[in-house]
Amino acid sequence: MGRTVISVRQVDVDLHSQFIELWITHRIEAGTTPEAAQRLALDGTLRTALQREDICAFIAFIDDRAAGYVVLADSTRSLLVNSPCVSIDMLFVHPELRRTGVGKALLAAAGRHADRRGAEHLASAVPAQNREANRFFARLGFAPETVRRVTSTATLQRKLAGESRGQRYSLDQVLQRRRDVRTKAARAARSAGRAGSRPHPTQPPQIAG
């Protein structure tokens, strides 16, 4: 069997359709229904995003078949420190073509892009539960830096406004019930101790002598 030849091309208008096909496959694998993925892909948002100056995407090919893609975005490592960084927003390899070197070829393209941009670092958001992806990035020198958590604006506002107060109130109730139980237990123990120290009413008091 001959060595797999992988080529990588930057996504331009001519490659939008192939990119979108891969993106749909990616979304379906992540749990989106085919119908929903199709709607998301065909509303024009992806094509518009691919033409932004701060976004760059590459597709890897094995022979003439689109095998995977990477989406990069210009960023900084911190909003307070002007240190140019290239963020790997998406990295996907078609399930049938994994373990063929496609992911490494795409990251090599990402590294060259970062060099051209004058960025000293590359960052990637990797799902914590995806062990295979985490091992892949770790082998290539990516070290964990932060845990990124995401919520909707509505959920955050609801939690801050109402549920957090309710949770504090519920916790106070639980703690108060525990204190009441301990207090009752202590009173019962003291009462039992006093009762045990009294002479039994049917026994006459003992007289020394």
C-alpha atoms as a PDB file:
ATOM      1  CA  MET A   1       0.000   0.000   0.000  1.00  0.00           C
ATOM      2  CA  GLY A   2       1.439   3.368  -1.042  1.00  0.00           C
ATOM      3  CA  ARG A   3       2.040   6.280   1.253  1.00  0.00           C
ATOM      4  CA  THR A   4      -0.983   8.547   1.714  1.00  0.00           C
ATOM      5  CA  VAL A   5      -0.488  11.878   0.002  1.00  0.00           C
ATOM      6  CA  ILE A   6      -2.212  14.762   1.769  1.00  0.00           C
ATOM      7  CA  SER A   7      -2.547  18.238   0.332  1.00  0.00           C
ATOM      8  CA  VAL A   8      -3.864  21.282   2.185  1.00  0.00           C
ATOM      9  CA  ARG A   9      -5.516  24.295   0.576  1.00  0.00           C
ATOM     10  CA  GLN A  10      -6.765  27.536   2.038  1.00  0.00           C
ATOM     11  CA  VAL A  11     -10.534  27.828   1.712  1.00  0.00           C
ATOM     12  CA  ASP A  12     -11.605  30.328  -0.917  1.00  0.00           C
ATOM     13  CA  VAL A  13     -14.940  30.847  -2.659  1.00  0.00           C
ATOM     14  CA  ASP A  14     -14.319  27.836  -4.910  1.00  0.00           C
ATOM     15  CA  LEU A  15     -13.972  25.583  -1.864  1.00  0.00           C
ATOM     16  CA  HIS A  16     -16.943  26.878   0.127  1.00  0.00           C
ATOM     17  CA  SER A  17     -19.221  24.020  -0.961  1.00  0.00           C
ATOM     18  CA  GLN A  18     -16.742  21.321   0.045  1.00  0.00           C
ATOM     19  CA  PHE A  19     -16.096  23.042   3.358  1.00  0.00           C
ATOM     20  CA  ILE A  20     -19.838  23.215   4.063  1.00  0.00           C
ATOM     21  CA  GLU A  21     -20.258  19.509   3.286  1.00  0.00           C
ATOM     22  CA  LEU A  22     -17.563  18.652   5.823  1.00  0.00           C
ATOM     23  CA  TRP A  23     -19.059  21.077   8.329  1.00  0.00           C
ATOM     24  CA  ILE A  24     -22.443  19.356   8.047  1.00  0.00           C
ATOM     25  CA  THR A  25     -20.792  15.966   8.673  1.00  0.00           C
ATOM     26  CA  HIS A  26     -19.047  17.474  11.705  1.00  0.00           C
ATOM     27  CA  ARG A  27     -22.285  18.848  13.127  1.00  0.00           C
ATOM     28  CA  ILE A  28     -24.159  15.577  12.633  1.00  0.00           C
ATOM     29  CA  GLU A  29     -21.376  13.669  14.390  1.00  0.00           C
ATOM     30  CA  ALA A  30     -21.646  16.140  17.276  1.00  0.00           C
ATOM     31  CA  GLY A  31     -25.346  15.336  17.660  1.00  0.00           C
ATOM     32  CA  THR A  32     -27.142  17.862  15.449  1.00  0.00           C
ATOM     33  CA  THR A  33     -29.887  16.381  13.302  1.00  0.00           C
ATOM     34  CA  PRO A  34     -29.170  16.321   9.531  1.00  0.00           C
ATOM     35  CA  GLU A  35     -32.103  18.675   8.903  1.00  0.00           C
ATOM     36  CA  ALA A  36     -30.903  21.223  11.470  1.00  0.00           C
ATOM     37  CA  ALA A  37     -27.324  21.009  10.187  1.00  0.00           C
ATOM     38  CA  GLN A  38     -28.528  21.638   6.639  1.00  0.00           C
ATOM     39  CA  ARG A  39     -30.509  24.683   7.734  1.00  0.00           C
ATOM     40  CA  LEU A  40     -27.546  26.104   9.647  1.00  0.00           C
ATOM     41  CA  ALA A  41     -25.202  25.519   6.723  1.00  0.00           C
ATOM     42  CA  LEU A  42     -27.357  26.997   4.004  1.00  0.00           C
ATOM     43  CA  ASP A  43     -28.485  30.265   5.588  1.00  0.00           C
ATOM     44  CA  GLY A  44     -25.366  32.095   4.381  1.00  0.00           C
ATOM     45  CA  THR A  45     -23.731  32.524   7.803  1.00  0.00           C
ATOM     46  CA  LEU A  46     -20.829  30.166   7.062  1.00  0.00           C
ATOM     47  CA  ARG A  47     -20.002  31.736   3.714  1.00  0.00           C
ATOM     48  CA  THR A  48     -20.040  35.196   5.297  1.00  0.00           C
ATOM     49  CA  ALA A  49     -17.813  34.076   8.177  1.00  0.00           C
ATOM     50  CA  LEU A  50     -15.271  32.492   5.827  1.00  0.00           C
ATOM     51  CA  GLN A  51     -14.759  35.848   4.118  1.00  0.00           C
ATOM     52  CA  ARG A  52     -13.900  37.752   7.297  1.00  0.00           C
ATOM     53  CA  GLU A  53     -10.336  39.058   7.496  1.00  0.00           C
ATOM     54  CA  ASP A  54      -9.757  37.653  10.983  1.00  0.00           C
ATOM     55  CA  ILE A  55     -10.831  34.122  10.022  1.00  0.00           C
ATOM     56  CA  CYS A  56      -8.929  31.646   7.894  1.00  0.00           C
ATOM     57  CA  ALA A  57      -9.837  28.048   7.058  1.00  0.00           C
ATOM     58  CA  PHE A  58      -7.949  25.196   5.416  1.00  0.00           C
ATOM     59  CA  ILE A  59      -9.154  21.948   3.878  1.00  0.00           C
ATOM     60  CA  ALA A  60      -7.042  18.812   3.670  1.00  0.00           C
ATOM     61  CA  PHE A  61      -7.431  16.483   0.694  1.00  0.00           C
ATOM     62  CA  ILE A  62      -6.494  12.853   0.211  1.00  0.00           C
ATOM     63  CA  ASP A  63      -6.350  12.431  -3.546  1.00  0.00           C
ATOM     64  CA  ASP A  64      -9.299  14.621  -4.535  1.00  0.00           C
ATOM     65  CA  ARG A  65     -11.454  13.849  -1.532  1.00  0.00           C
ATOM     66  CA  ALA A  66     -12.002  16.490   1.158  1.00  0.00           C
ATOM     67  CA  ALA A  67     -10.757  14.804   4.317  1.00  0.00           C
ATOM     68  CA  GLY A  68     -10.926  17.468   7.018  1.00  0.00           C
ATOM     69  CA  TYR A  69     -10.700  21.129   7.866  1.00  0.00           C
ATOM     70  CA  VAL A  70      -9.385  23.586  10.400  1.00  0.00           C
ATOM     71  CA  VAL A  71     -10.814  27.033  11.158  1.00  0.00           C
ATOM     72  CA  LEU A  72      -8.483  29.667  12.615  1.00  0.00           C
ATOM     73  CA  ALA A  73      -9.175  33.059  14.131  1.00  0.00           C
ATOM     74  CA  ASP A  74      -6.825  35.900  14.981  1.00  0.00           C
ATOM     75  CA  SER A  75      -6.882  36.660  18.695  1.00  0.00           C
ATOM     76  CA  THR A  76      -4.686  37.479  21.682  1.00  0.00           C
ATOM     77  CA  ARG A  77      -3.816  35.252  24.634  1.00  0.00           C
ATOM     78  CA  SER A  78      -5.346  37.831  26.945  1.00  0.00           C
ATOM     79  CA  LEU A  79      -7.542  40.870  26.432  1.00  0.00           C
ATOM     80  CA  LEU A  80      -5.191  42.824  28.687  1.00  0.00           C
ATOM     81  CA  VAL A  81      -1.943  41.753  27.032  1.00  0.00           C
ATOM     82  CA  ASN A  82      -1.351  42.417  23.355  1.00  0.00           C
ATOM     83  CA  SER A  83       0.266  39.077  22.545  1.00  0.00           C
ATOM     84  CA  PRO A  84      -0.871  37.906  19.080  1.00  0.00           C
ATOM     85  CA  CYS A  85      -2.274  34.392  19.060  1.00  0.00           C
ATOM     86  CA  VAL A  86      -4.010  32.192  16.504  1.00  0.00           C
ATOM     87  CA  SER A  87      -7.004  30.356  17.905  1.00  0.00           C
ATOM     88  CA  ILE A  88      -7.959  26.978  16.463  1.00  0.00           C
ATOM     89  CA  ASP A  89     -11.710  27.315  16.552  1.00  0.00           C
ATOM     90  CA  MET A  90     -12.555  24.036  14.785  1.00  0.00           C
ATOM     91  CA  LEU A  91     -10.563  20.985  13.765  1.00  0.00           C
ATOM     92  CA  PHE A  92     -12.337  18.096  12.079  1.00  0.00           C
ATOM     93  CA  VAL A  93     -11.271  14.998  10.210  1.00  0.00           C
ATOM     94  CA  HIS A  94     -13.795  12.819   8.415  1.00  0.00           C
ATOM     95  CA  PRO A  95     -14.396   9.653  10.497  1.00  0.00           C
ATOM     96  CA  GLU A  96     -13.402   7.391   7.593  1.00  0.00           C
ATOM     97  CA  LEU A  97     -10.056   9.154   7.148  1.00  0.00           C
ATOM     98  CA  ARG A  98      -8.753   9.472  10.681  1.00  0.00           C
ATOM     99  CA  ARG A  99      -5.313   8.225  11.715  1.00  0.00           C
ATOM    100  CA  THR A 100      -3.961   9.002   8.257  1.00  0.00           C
ATOM    101  CA  GLY A 101      -2.063  12.182   9.171  1.00  0.00           C
ATOM    102  CA  VAL A 102      -4.821  14.615   8.141  1.00  0.00           C
ATOM    103  CA  GLY A 103      -5.011  16.293  11.567  1.00  0.00           C
ATOM    104  CA  LYS A 104      -1.252  16.858  11.675  1.00  0.00           C
ATOM    105  CA  ALA A 105      -1.273  18.249   8.140  1.00  0.00           C
ATOM    106  CA  LEU A 106      -3.986  20.724   9.103  1.00  0.00           C
ATOM    107  CA  LEU A 107      -2.111  21.809  12.222  1.00  0.00           C
ATOM    108  CA  ALA A 108       1.053  22.257  10.166  1.00  0.00           C
ATOM    109  CA  ALA A 109      -0.925  24.651   7.967  1.00  0.00           C
ATOM    110  CA  ALA A 110      -2.157  26.396  11.116  1.00  0.00           C
ATOM    111  CA  GLY A 111       1.429  26.807  12.317  1.00  0.00           C
ATOM    112  CA  ARG A 112       2.521  28.342   9.010  1.00  0.00           C
ATOM    113  CA  HIS A 113      -0.458  30.702   9.131  1.00  0.00           C
ATOM    114  CA  ALA A 114       0.491  31.777  12.664  1.00  0.00           C
ATOM    115  CA  ASP A 115       4.055  32.486  11.515  1.00  0.00           C
ATOM    116  CA  ARG A 116       2.781  34.682   8.706  1.00  0.00           C
ATOM    117  CA  ARG A 117       0.577  36.539  11.194  1.00  0.00           C
ATOM    118  CA  GLY A 118       3.477  37.067  13.584  1.00  0.00           C
ATOM    119  CA  ALA A 119       1.704  35.098  16.303  1.00  0.00           C
ATOM    120  CA  GLU A 120       3.922  33.396  18.865  1.00  0.00           C
ATOM    121  CA  HIS A 121       1.238  31.039  20.136  1.00  0.00           C
ATOM    122  CA  LEU A 122      -1.606  28.836  18.956  1.00  0.00           C
ATOM    123  CA  ALA A 123      -4.516  27.989  21.223  1.00  0.00           C
ATOM    124  CA  SER A 124      -7.228  25.398  20.847  1.00  0.00           C
ATOM    125  CA  ALA A 125     -10.499  24.895  22.711  1.00  0.00           C
ATOM    126  CA  VAL A 126     -10.731  21.129  23.215  1.00  0.00           C
ATOM    127  CA  PRO A 127     -13.793  19.570  24.889  1.00  0.00           C
ATOM    128  CA  ALA A 128     -12.720  18.206  28.279  1.00  0.00           C
ATOM    129  CA  GLN A 129     -14.643  14.966  27.737  1.00  0.00           C
ATOM    130  CA  ASN A 130     -12.972  14.254  24.383  1.00  0.00           C
ATOM    131  CA  ARG A 131      -9.997  12.232  25.607  1.00  0.00           C
ATOM    132  CA  GLU A 132      -8.748  11.323  22.141  1.00  0.00           C
ATOM    133  CA  ALA A 133      -8.614  14.957  21.039  1.00  0.00           C
ATOM    134  CA  ASN A 134      -6.903  15.984  24.279  1.00  0.00           C
ATOM    135  CA  ARG A 135      -4.264  13.281  23.860  1.00  0.00           C
ATOM    136  CA  PHE A 136      -3.743  14.340  20.232  1.00  0.00           C
ATOM    137  CA  PHE A 137      -3.096  17.977  21.157  1.00  0.00           C
ATOM    138  CA  ALA A 138      -0.986  17.043  24.179  1.00  0.00           C
ATOM    139  CA  ARG A 139       1.327  14.931  22.004  1.00  0.00           C
ATOM    140  CA  LEU A 140       1.872  17.978  19.806  1.00  0.00           C
ATOM    141  CA  GLY A 141       2.867  20.209  22.727  1.00  0.00           C
ATOM    142  CA  PHE A 142      -0.447  21.891  23.593  1.00  0.00           C
ATOM    143  CA  ALA A 143      -0.608  22.361  27.359  1.00  0.00           C
ATOM    144  CA  PRO A 144      -3.813  22.944  29.351  1.00  0.00           C
ATOM    145  CA  GLU A 145      -4.246  26.572  30.330  1.00  0.00           C
ATOM    146  CA  THR A 146      -7.896  27.266  31.181  1.00  0.00           C
ATOM    147  CA  VAL A 147     -11.268  25.535  31.351  1.00  0.00           C
ATOM    148  CA  ARG A 148     -13.775  27.324  29.152  1.00  0.00           C
ATOM    149  CA  ARG A 149     -17.373  27.216  30.337  1.00  0.00           C
ATOM    150  CA  VAL A 150     -20.318  28.482  28.295  1.00  0.00           C
ATOM    151  CA  THR A 151     -23.855  29.481  29.270  1.00  0.00           C
ATOM    152  CA  SER A 152     -26.641  31.457  27.671  1.00  0.00           C
ATOM    153  CA  THR A 153     -27.228  35.052  28.712  1.00  0.00           C
ATOM    154  CA  ALA A 154     -30.766  34.172  29.802  1.00  0.00           C
ATOM    155  CA  THR A 155     -29.558  31.312  32.013  1.00  0.00           C
ATOM    156  CA  LEU A 156     -26.948  33.494  33.714  1.00  0.00           C
ATOM    157  CA  GLN A 157     -29.461  36.259  34.397  1.00  0.00           C
ATOM    158  CA  ARG A 158     -31.999  33.775  35.748  1.00  0.00           C
ATOM    159  CA  LYS A 159     -29.432  32.189  38.044  1.00  0.00           C
ATOM    160  CA  LEU A 160     -28.208  35.554  39.340  1.00  0.00           C
ATOM    161  CA  ALA A 161     -31.692  37.007  39.826  1.00  0.00           C
ATOM    162  CA  GLY A 162     -33.703  34.190  41.316  1.00  0.00           C
ATOM    163  CA  GLU A 163     -32.347  30.720  41.614  1.00  0.00           C
ATOM    164  CA  SER A 164     -29.228  31.664  43.550  1.00  0.00           C
ATOM    165  CA  ARG A 165     -31.381  33.306  46.257  1.00  0.00           C
ATOM    166  CA  GLY A 166     -33.619  30.261  46.336  1.00  0.00           C
ATOM    167  CA  GLN A 167     -30.646  27.969  46.606  1.00  0.00           C
ATOM    168  CA  ARG A 168     -29.211  29.989  49.511  1.00  0.00           C
ATOM    169  CA  TYR A 169     -32.609  29.889  51.245  1.00  0.00           C
ATOM    170  CA  SER A 170     -32.865  26.125  50.766  1.00  0.00           C
ATOM    171  CA  LEU A 171     -29.357  25.641  52.134  1.00  0.00           C
ATOM    172  CA  ASP A 172     -30.192  27.754  55.185  1.00  0.00           C
ATOM    173  CA  GLN A 173     -33.261  25.575  55.789  1.00  0.00           C
ATOM    174  CA  VAL A 174     -31.200  22.387  55.594  1.00  0.00           C
ATOM    175  CA  LEU A 175     -28.596  23.733  58.002  1.00  0.00           C
ATOM    176  CA  GLN A 176     -31.285  24.923  60.433  1.00  0.00           C
ATOM    177  CA  ARG A 177     -32.960  21.494  60.383  1.00  0.00           C
ATOM    178  CA  ARG A 178     -29.624  19.859  61.167  1.00  0.00           C
ATOM    179  CA  ARG A 179     -29.075  22.254  64.101  1.00  0.00           C
ATOM    180  CA  ASP A 180     -32.585  21.512  65.406  1.00  0.00           C
ATOM    181  CA  VAL A 181     -31.973  17.762  65.235  1.00  0.00           C
ATOM    182  CA  ARG A 182     -28.670  18.105  67.115  1.00  0.00           C
ATOM    183  CA  THR A 183     -30.324  20.314  69.756  1.00  0.00           C
ATOM    184  CA  LYS A 184     -33.165  17.828  70.303  1.00  0.00           C
ATOM    185  CA  ALA A 185     -30.708  14.940  70.522  1.00  0.00           C
ATOM    186  CA  ALA A 186     -28.616  16.811  73.112  1.00  0.00           C
ATOM    187  CA  ARG A 187     -31.722  17.611  75.221  1.00  0.00           C
ATOM    188  CA  ALA A 188     -32.857  13.998  75.066  1.00  0.00           C
ATOM    189  CA  ALA A 189     -29.400  12.834  76.200  1.00  0.00           C
ATOM    190  CA  ARG A 190     -29.393  15.270  79.148  1.00  0.00           C
ATOM    191  CA  SER A 191     -32.876  14.201  80.178  1.00  0.00           C
ATOM    192  CA  ALA A 192     -31.891  10.544  80.031  1.00  0.00           C
ATOM    193  CA  GLY A 193     -28.796  11.279  82.142  1.00  0.00           C
ATOM    194  CA  ARG A 194     -30.829  13.046  84.838  1.00  0.00           C
ATOM    195  CA  ALA A 195     -33.381  10.233  84.920  1.00  0.00           C
ATOM    196  CA  GLY A 196     -30.638   7.613  85.316  1.00  0.00           C
ATOM    197  CA  SER A 197     -29.092   9.432  88.295  1.00  0.00           C
ATOM    198  CA  ARG A 198     -32.336   9.467  90.372  1.00  0.00           C
ATOM    199  CA  PRO A 199     -33.114   6.536  92.762  1.00  0.00           C
ATOM    200  CA  HIS A 200     -35.708   4.147  91.450  1.00  0.00           C
ATOM    201  CA  PRO A 201     -39.049   4.886  93.143  1.00  0.00           C
ATOM    202  CA  THR A 202     -39.507   1.217  94.163  1.00  0.00           C
ATOM    203  CA  GLN A 203     -36.114   0.998  95.882  1.00  0.00           C
ATOM    204  CA  PRO A 204     -35.514   2.530  99.323  1.00  0.00           C
ATOM    205  CA  PRO A 205     -32.578   4.868  99.625  1.00  0.00           C
ATOM    206  CA  GLN A 206     -29.417   3.180 100.828  1.00  0.00           C
ATOM    207  CA  ILE A 207     -28.132   4.291 104.244  1.00  0.00           C
ATOM    208  CA  ALA A 208     -24.470   3.998 104.933  1.00  0.00           C
ATOM    209  CA  GLY A 209     -23.358   2.688 108.291  1.00  0.00           C
END
